[in-house]
Amino acid sequence: RVKGEVENLVQAVGFDHCTILRPAVLL
């Protein structure tokens, strides 16, 4: 939920480009 909320907040900031990476388990 927190990860989804922050994605929404960052997108709302209004960058020209916003890239969100959603990795699985980090090795």
PDB file of all heavy atoms in Angstrom:
ATOM      1  N   ARG A   1       0.833  -1.202   0.000  1.00  0.00           N
ATOM      2  CA  ARG A   1       0.000   0.000   0.000  1.00  0.00           C
ATOM      3  C   ARG A   1       0.876   1.264   0.000  1.00  0.00           C
ATOM      4  O   ARG A   1       0.646   2.189  -0.790  1.00  0.00           O
ATOM      5  CB  ARG A   1      -0.945   0.012   1.196  1.00  0.00           C
ATOM      6  CG  ARG A   1      -1.873   1.231   1.197  1.00  0.00           C
ATOM      7  CD  ARG A   1      -2.909   1.202   2.306  1.00  0.00           C
ATOM      8  NE  ARG A   1      -2.283   1.278   3.621  1.00  0.00           N
ATOM      9  CZ  ARG A   1      -2.275   0.301   4.519  1.00  0.00           C
ATOM     10  NH1 ARG A   1      -2.848  -0.852   4.257  1.00  0.00           N
ATOM     11  NH2 ARG A   1      -1.709   0.468   5.683  1.00  0.00           N
ATOM     12  N   VAL A   2       1.882   1.292   0.868  1.00  0.00           N
ATOM     13  CA  VAL A   2       2.763   2.460   0.947  1.00  0.00           C
ATOM     14  C   VAL A   2       3.518   2.655  -0.366  1.00  0.00           C
ATOM     15  O   VAL A   2       3.655   3.784  -0.860  1.00  0.00           O
ATOM     16  CB  VAL A   2       3.731   2.335   2.146  1.00  0.00           C
ATOM     17  CG1 VAL A   2       4.853   3.365   2.075  1.00  0.00           C
ATOM     18  CG2 VAL A   2       2.955   2.470   3.447  1.00  0.00           C
ATOM     19  N   LYS A   3       3.991   1.566  -0.962  1.00  0.00           N
ATOM     20  CA  LYS A   3       4.679   1.675  -2.252  1.00  0.00           C
ATOM     21  C   LYS A   3       3.735   2.218  -3.329  1.00  0.00           C
ATOM     22  O   LYS A   3       4.132   3.052  -4.148  1.00  0.00           O
ATOM     23  CB  LYS A   3       5.257   0.325  -2.672  1.00  0.00           C
ATOM     24  CG  LYS A   3       6.385  -0.166  -1.798  1.00  0.00           C
ATOM     25  CD  LYS A   3       7.576   0.762  -1.830  1.00  0.00           C
ATOM     26  CE  LYS A   3       8.750   0.185  -1.067  1.00  0.00           C
ATOM     27  NZ  LYS A   3       9.924   1.081  -1.109  1.00  0.00           N
ATOM     28  N   GLY A   4       2.484   1.760  -3.330  1.00  0.00           N
ATOM     29  CA  GLY A   4       1.506   2.285  -4.284  1.00  0.00           C
ATOM     30  C   GLY A   4       1.184   3.748  -4.028  1.00  0.00           C
ATOM     31  O   GLY A   4       1.055   4.544  -4.963  1.00  0.00           O
ATOM     32  N   GLU A   5       1.059   4.119  -2.768  1.00  0.00           N
ATOM     33  CA  GLU A   5       0.781   5.517  -2.427  1.00  0.00           C
ATOM     34  C   GLU A   5       1.912   6.431  -2.878  1.00  0.00           C
ATOM     35  O   GLU A   5       1.665   7.499  -3.454  1.00  0.00           O
ATOM     36  CB  GLU A   5       0.575   5.657  -0.912  1.00  0.00           C
ATOM     37  CG  GLU A   5      -0.711   5.057  -0.406  1.00  0.00           C
ATOM     38  CD  GLU A   5      -0.816   4.999   1.103  1.00  0.00           C
ATOM     39  OE1 GLU A   5       0.163   5.356   1.815  1.00  0.00           O
ATOM     40  OE2 GLU A   5      -1.894   4.583   1.587  1.00  0.00           O
ATOM     41  N   VAL A   6       3.152   6.017  -2.639  1.00  0.00           N
ATOM     42  CA  VAL A   6       4.265   6.878  -3.027  1.00  0.00           C
ATOM     43  C   VAL A   6       4.385   6.971  -4.548  1.00  0.00           C
ATOM     44  O   VAL A   6       4.733   8.026  -5.086  1.00  0.00           O
ATOM     45  CB  VAL A   6       5.595   6.462  -2.359  1.00  0.00           C
ATOM     46  CG1 VAL A   6       6.215   5.236  -3.009  1.00  0.00           C
ATOM     47  CG2 VAL A   6       6.575   7.626  -2.350  1.00  0.00           C
ATOM     48  N   GLU A   7       4.079   5.899  -5.256  1.00  0.00           N
ATOM     49  CA  GLU A   7       4.066   5.979  -6.722  1.00  0.00           C
ATOM     50  C   GLU A   7       3.086   7.057  -7.180  1.00  0.00           C
ATOM     51  O   GLU A   7       3.399   7.869  -8.048  1.00  0.00           O
ATOM     52  CB  GLU A   7       3.669   4.635  -7.328  1.00  0.00           C
ATOM     53  CG  GLU A   7       4.728   3.576  -7.275  1.00  0.00           C
ATOM     54  CD  GLU A   7       4.294   2.278  -7.956  1.00  0.00           C
ATOM     55  OE1 GLU A   7       3.227   2.251  -8.607  1.00  0.00           O
ATOM     56  OE2 GLU A   7       5.038   1.280  -7.838  1.00  0.00           O
ATOM     57  N   ASN A   8       1.894   7.062  -6.595  1.00  0.00           N
ATOM     58  CA  ASN A   8       0.887   8.060  -6.956  1.00  0.00           C
ATOM     59  C   ASN A   8       1.347   9.473  -6.612  1.00  0.00           C
ATOM     60  O   ASN A   8       1.158  10.408  -7.399  1.00  0.00           O
ATOM     61  CB  ASN A   8      -0.441   7.762  -6.257  1.00  0.00           C
ATOM     62  CG  ASN A   8      -1.087   6.489  -6.762  1.00  0.00           C
ATOM     63  OD1 ASN A   8      -0.765   5.980  -7.843  1.00  0.00           O
ATOM     64  ND2 ASN A   8      -1.995   5.936  -5.978  1.00  0.00           N
ATOM     65  N   LEU A   9       1.949   9.638  -5.447  1.00  0.00           N
ATOM     66  CA  LEU A   9       2.426  10.959  -5.025  1.00  0.00           C
ATOM     67  C   LEU A   9       3.531  11.466  -5.949  1.00  0.00           C
ATOM     68  O   LEU A   9       3.528  12.641  -6.332  1.00  0.00           O
ATOM     69  CB  LEU A   9       2.923  10.904  -3.578  1.00  0.00           C
ATOM     70  CG  LEU A   9       1.846  10.711  -2.514  1.00  0.00           C
ATOM     71  CD1 LEU A   9       2.480  10.382  -1.162  1.00  0.00           C
ATOM     72  CD2 LEU A   9       0.964  11.951  -2.413  1.00  0.00           C
ATOM     73  N   VAL A  10       4.450  10.611  -6.307  1.00  0.00           N
ATOM     74  CA  VAL A  10       5.546  11.021  -7.185  1.00  0.00           C
ATOM     75  C   VAL A  10       5.014  11.375  -8.574  1.00  0.00           C
ATOM     76  O   VAL A  10       5.430  12.380  -9.169  1.00  0.00           O
ATOM     77  CB  VAL A  10       6.642   9.927  -7.250  1.00  0.00           C
ATOM     78  CG1 VAL A  10       7.631  10.189  -8.378  1.00  0.00           C
ATOM     79  CG2 VAL A  10       7.370   9.830  -5.907  1.00  0.00           C
ATOM     80  N   GLN A  11       4.090  10.591  -9.092  1.00  0.00           N
ATOM     81  CA  GLN A  11       3.506  10.908 -10.398  1.00  0.00           C
ATOM     82  C   GLN A  11       2.793  12.259 -10.373  1.00  0.00           C
ATOM     83  O   GLN A  11       2.836  13.006 -11.350  1.00  0.00           O
ATOM     84  CB  GLN A  11       2.514   9.828 -10.814  1.00  0.00           C
ATOM     85  CG  GLN A  11       3.161   8.520 -11.195  1.00  0.00           C
ATOM     86  CD  GLN A  11       2.142   7.467 -11.546  1.00  0.00           C
ATOM     87  OE1 GLN A  11       1.323   7.668 -12.427  1.00  0.00           O
ATOM     88  NE2 GLN A  11       2.200   6.332 -10.856  1.00  0.00           N
ATOM     89  N   ALA A  12       2.159  12.587  -9.260  1.00  0.00           N
ATOM     90  CA  ALA A  12       1.399  13.831  -9.142  1.00  0.00           C
ATOM     91  C   ALA A  12       2.291  15.069  -9.091  1.00  0.00           C
ATOM     92  O   ALA A  12       1.805  16.183  -9.310  1.00  0.00           O
ATOM     93  CB  ALA A  12       0.509  13.775  -7.898  1.00  0.00           C
ATOM     94  N   VAL A  13       3.575  14.893  -8.841  1.00  0.00           N
ATOM     95  CA  VAL A  13       4.490  16.033  -8.761  1.00  0.00           C
ATOM     96  C   VAL A  13       4.592  16.741 -10.110  1.00  0.00           C
ATOM     97  O   VAL A  13       4.769  17.954 -10.166  1.00  0.00           O
ATOM     98  CB  VAL A  13       5.885  15.578  -8.243  1.00  0.00           C
ATOM     99  CG1 VAL A  13       6.920  16.673  -8.387  1.00  0.00           C
ATOM    100  CG2 VAL A  13       5.775  15.135  -6.791  1.00  0.00           C
ATOM    101  N   GLY A  14       4.471  16.008 -11.208  1.00  0.00           N
ATOM    102  CA  GLY A  14       4.440  16.632 -12.525  1.00  0.00           C
ATOM    103  C   GLY A  14       5.768  16.695 -13.248  1.00  0.00           C
ATOM    104  O   GLY A  14       6.049  17.664 -13.962  1.00  0.00           O
ATOM    105  N   PHE A  15       6.591  15.672 -13.112  1.00  0.00           N
ATOM    106  CA  PHE A  15       7.841  15.616 -13.869  1.00  0.00           C
ATOM    107  C   PHE A  15       7.542  15.460 -15.360  1.00  0.00           C
ATOM    108  O   PHE A  15       6.508  14.907 -15.730  1.00  0.00           O
ATOM    109  CB  PHE A  15       8.685  14.416 -13.401  1.00  0.00           C
ATOM    110  CG  PHE A  15       9.188  14.544 -11.998  1.00  0.00           C
ATOM    111  CD1 PHE A  15       8.557  13.897 -10.953  1.00  0.00           C
ATOM    112  CD2 PHE A  15      10.300  15.328 -11.718  1.00  0.00           C
ATOM    113  CE1 PHE A  15       9.019  14.014  -9.650  1.00  0.00           C
ATOM    114  CE2 PHE A  15      10.769  15.453 -10.418  1.00  0.00           C
ATOM    115  CZ  PHE A  15      10.124  14.798  -9.381  1.00  0.00           C
ATOM    116  N   ASP A  16       8.463  15.904 -16.199  1.00  0.00           N
ATOM    117  CA  ASP A  16       8.315  15.672 -17.637  1.00  0.00           C
ATOM    118  C   ASP A  16       8.285  14.167 -17.911  1.00  0.00           C
ATOM    119  O   ASP A  16       7.526  13.708 -18.758  1.00  0.00           O
ATOM    120  CB  ASP A  16       9.470  16.311 -18.417  1.00  0.00           C
ATOM    121  CG  ASP A  16       9.456  17.831 -18.359  1.00  0.00           C
ATOM    122  OD1 ASP A  16       8.472  18.418 -17.851  1.00  0.00           O
ATOM    123  OD2 ASP A  16      10.440  18.440 -18.821  1.00  0.00           O
ATOM    124  N   HIS A  17       9.136  13.436 -17.207  1.00  0.00           N
ATOM    125  CA  HIS A  17       9.179  11.973 -17.297  1.00  0.00           C
ATOM    126  C   HIS A  17       9.300  11.400 -15.891  1.00  0.00           C
ATOM    127  O   HIS A  17      10.058  11.916 -15.068  1.00  0.00           O
ATOM    128  CB  HIS A  17      10.376  11.480 -18.126  1.00  0.00           C
ATOM    129  CG  HIS A  17      10.322  11.869 -19.559  1.00  0.00           C
ATOM    130  ND1 HIS A  17       9.518  11.237 -20.468  1.00  0.00           N
ATOM    131  CD2 HIS A  17      10.984  12.829 -20.242  1.00  0.00           C
ATOM    132  CE1 HIS A  17       9.677  11.792 -21.647  1.00  0.00           C
ATOM    133  NE2 HIS A  17      10.552  12.767 -21.538  1.00  0.00           N
ATOM    134  N   CYS A  18       8.563  10.351 -15.646  1.00  0.00           N
ATOM    135  CA  CYS A  18       8.643   9.646 -14.375  1.00  0.00           C
ATOM    136  C   CYS A  18       8.698   8.155 -14.703  1.00  0.00           C
ATOM    137  O   CYS A  18       7.803   7.633 -15.374  1.00  0.00           O
ATOM    138  CB  CYS A  18       7.422   9.953 -13.506  1.00  0.00           C
ATOM    139  SG  CYS A  18       7.405   9.064 -11.942  1.00  0.00           S
ATOM    140  N   THR A  19       9.758   7.509 -14.262  1.00  0.00           N
ATOM    141  CA  THR A  19       9.891   6.078 -14.484  1.00  0.00           C
ATOM    142  C   THR A  19       9.834   5.383 -13.132  1.00  0.00           C
ATOM    143  O   THR A  19      10.546   5.767 -12.206  1.00  0.00           O
ATOM    144  CB  THR A  19      11.218   5.729 -15.189  1.00  0.00           C
ATOM    145  OG1 THR A  19      11.306   6.479 -16.403  1.00  0.00           O
ATOM    146  CG2 THR A  19      11.292   4.243 -15.498  1.00  0.00           C
ATOM    147  N   ILE A  20       8.977   4.393 -13.030  1.00  0.00           N
ATOM    148  CA  ILE A  20       8.812   3.628 -11.804  1.00  0.00           C
ATOM    149  C   ILE A  20       9.239   2.201 -12.091  1.00  0.00           C
ATOM    150  O   ILE A  20       8.720   1.572 -13.009  1.00  0.00           O
ATOM    151  CB  ILE A  20       7.353   3.678 -11.317  1.00  0.00           C
ATOM    152  CG1 ILE A  20       6.967   5.127 -10.993  1.00  0.00           C
ATOM    153  CG2 ILE A  20       7.154   2.762 -10.112  1.00  0.00           C
ATOM    154  CD1 ILE A  20       5.483   5.332 -10.754  1.00  0.00           C
ATOM    155  N   LEU A  21      10.184   1.726 -11.314  1.00  0.00           N
ATOM    156  CA  LEU A  21      10.643   0.341 -11.448  1.00  0.00           C
ATOM    157  C   LEU A  21      10.035  -0.467 -10.320  1.00  0.00           C
ATOM    158  O   LEU A  21      10.090  -0.057  -9.162  1.00  0.00           O
ATOM    159  CB  LEU A  21      12.165   0.265 -11.398  1.00  0.00           C
ATOM    160  CG  LEU A  21      12.868   0.805 -12.646  1.00  0.00           C
ATOM    161  CD1 LEU A  21      13.109   2.290 -12.504  1.00  0.00           C
ATOM    162  CD2 LEU A  21      14.166   0.080 -12.865  1.00  0.00           C
ATOM    163  N   ARG A  22       9.462  -1.605 -10.667  1.00  0.00           N
ATOM    164  CA  ARG A  22       8.834  -2.499  -9.694  1.00  0.00           C
ATOM    165  C   ARG A  22       9.554  -3.847  -9.685  1.00  0.00           C
ATOM    166  O   ARG A  22       9.047  -4.840 -10.206  1.00  0.00           O
ATOM    167  CB  ARG A  22       7.362  -2.698 -10.038  1.00  0.00           C
ATOM    168  CG  ARG A  22       6.514  -1.474  -9.842  1.00  0.00           C
ATOM    169  CD  ARG A  22       5.076  -1.804 -10.152  1.00  0.00           C
ATOM    170  NE  ARG A  22       4.196  -0.671  -9.931  1.00  0.00           N
ATOM    171  CZ  ARG A  22       2.974  -0.595 -10.405  1.00  0.00           C
ATOM    172  NH1 ARG A  22       2.478  -1.597 -11.133  1.00  0.00           N
ATOM    173  NH2 ARG A  22       2.231   0.461 -10.158  1.00  0.00           N
ATOM    174  N   PRO A  23      10.722  -3.881  -9.070  1.00  0.00           N
ATOM    175  CA  PRO A  23      11.453  -5.158  -9.031  1.00  0.00           C
ATOM    176  C   PRO A  23      10.798  -6.149  -8.081  1.00  0.00           C
ATOM    177  O   PRO A  23      10.107  -5.769  -7.132  1.00  0.00           O
ATOM    178  CB  PRO A  23      12.834  -4.743  -8.519  1.00  0.00           C
ATOM    179  CG  PRO A  23      12.578  -3.525  -7.699  1.00  0.00           C
ATOM    180  CD  PRO A  23      11.432  -2.809  -8.392  1.00  0.00           C
ATOM    181  N   ALA A  24      11.061  -7.418  -8.339  1.00  0.00           N
ATOM    182  CA  ALA A  24      10.652  -8.488  -7.416  1.00  0.00           C
ATOM    183  C   ALA A  24      11.706  -8.535  -6.311  1.00  0.00           C
ATOM    184  O   ALA A  24      12.295  -7.514  -5.977  1.00  0.00           O
ATOM    185  CB  ALA A  24      10.534  -9.797  -8.174  1.00  0.00           C
ATOM    186  N   VAL A  25      11.974  -9.698  -5.753  1.00  0.00           N
ATOM    187  CA  VAL A  25      12.952  -9.826  -4.675  1.00  0.00           C
ATOM    188  C   VAL A  25      14.318  -9.367  -5.185  1.00  0.00           C
ATOM    189  O   VAL A  25      14.798  -9.836  -6.211  1.00  0.00           O
ATOM    190  CB  VAL A  25      13.028 -11.284  -4.174  1.00  0.00           C
ATOM    191  CG1 VAL A  25      14.155 -11.452  -3.168  1.00  0.00           C
ATOM    192  CG2 VAL A  25      11.699 -11.695  -3.560  1.00  0.00           C
ATOM    193  N   LEU A  26      14.919  -8.436  -4.455  1.00  0.00           N
ATOM    194  CA  LEU A  26      16.232  -7.922  -4.821  1.00  0.00           C
ATOM    195  C   LEU A  26      17.316  -8.870  -4.325  1.00  0.00           C
ATOM    196  O   LEU A  26      17.351  -9.216  -3.146  1.00  0.00           O
ATOM    197  CB  LEU A  26      16.446  -6.536  -4.204  1.00  0.00           C
ATOM    198  CG  LEU A  26      15.535  -5.435  -4.724  1.00  0.00           C
ATOM    199  CD1 LEU A  26      15.697  -4.181  -3.875  1.00  0.00           C
ATOM    200  CD2 LEU A  26      15.806  -5.145  -6.184  1.00  0.00           C
ATOM    201  N   LEU A  27      18.162  -9.285  -5.237  1.00  0.00           N
ATOM    202  CA  LEU A  27      19.277 -10.161  -4.884  1.00  0.00           C
ATOM    203  C   LEU A  27      20.507  -9.292  -4.633  1.00  0.00           C
ATOM    204  O   LEU A  27      20.981  -8.608  -5.539  1.00  0.00           O
ATOM    205  CB  LEU A  27      19.549 -11.157  -6.001  1.00  0.00           C
ATOM    206  CG  LEU A  27      18.397 -12.104  -6.345  1.00  0.00           C
ATOM    207  CD1 LEU A  27      18.758 -12.975  -7.535  1.00  0.00           C
ATOM    208  CD2 LEU A  27      18.007 -12.948  -5.144  1.00  0.00           C
TER     209      LEU A  27
END
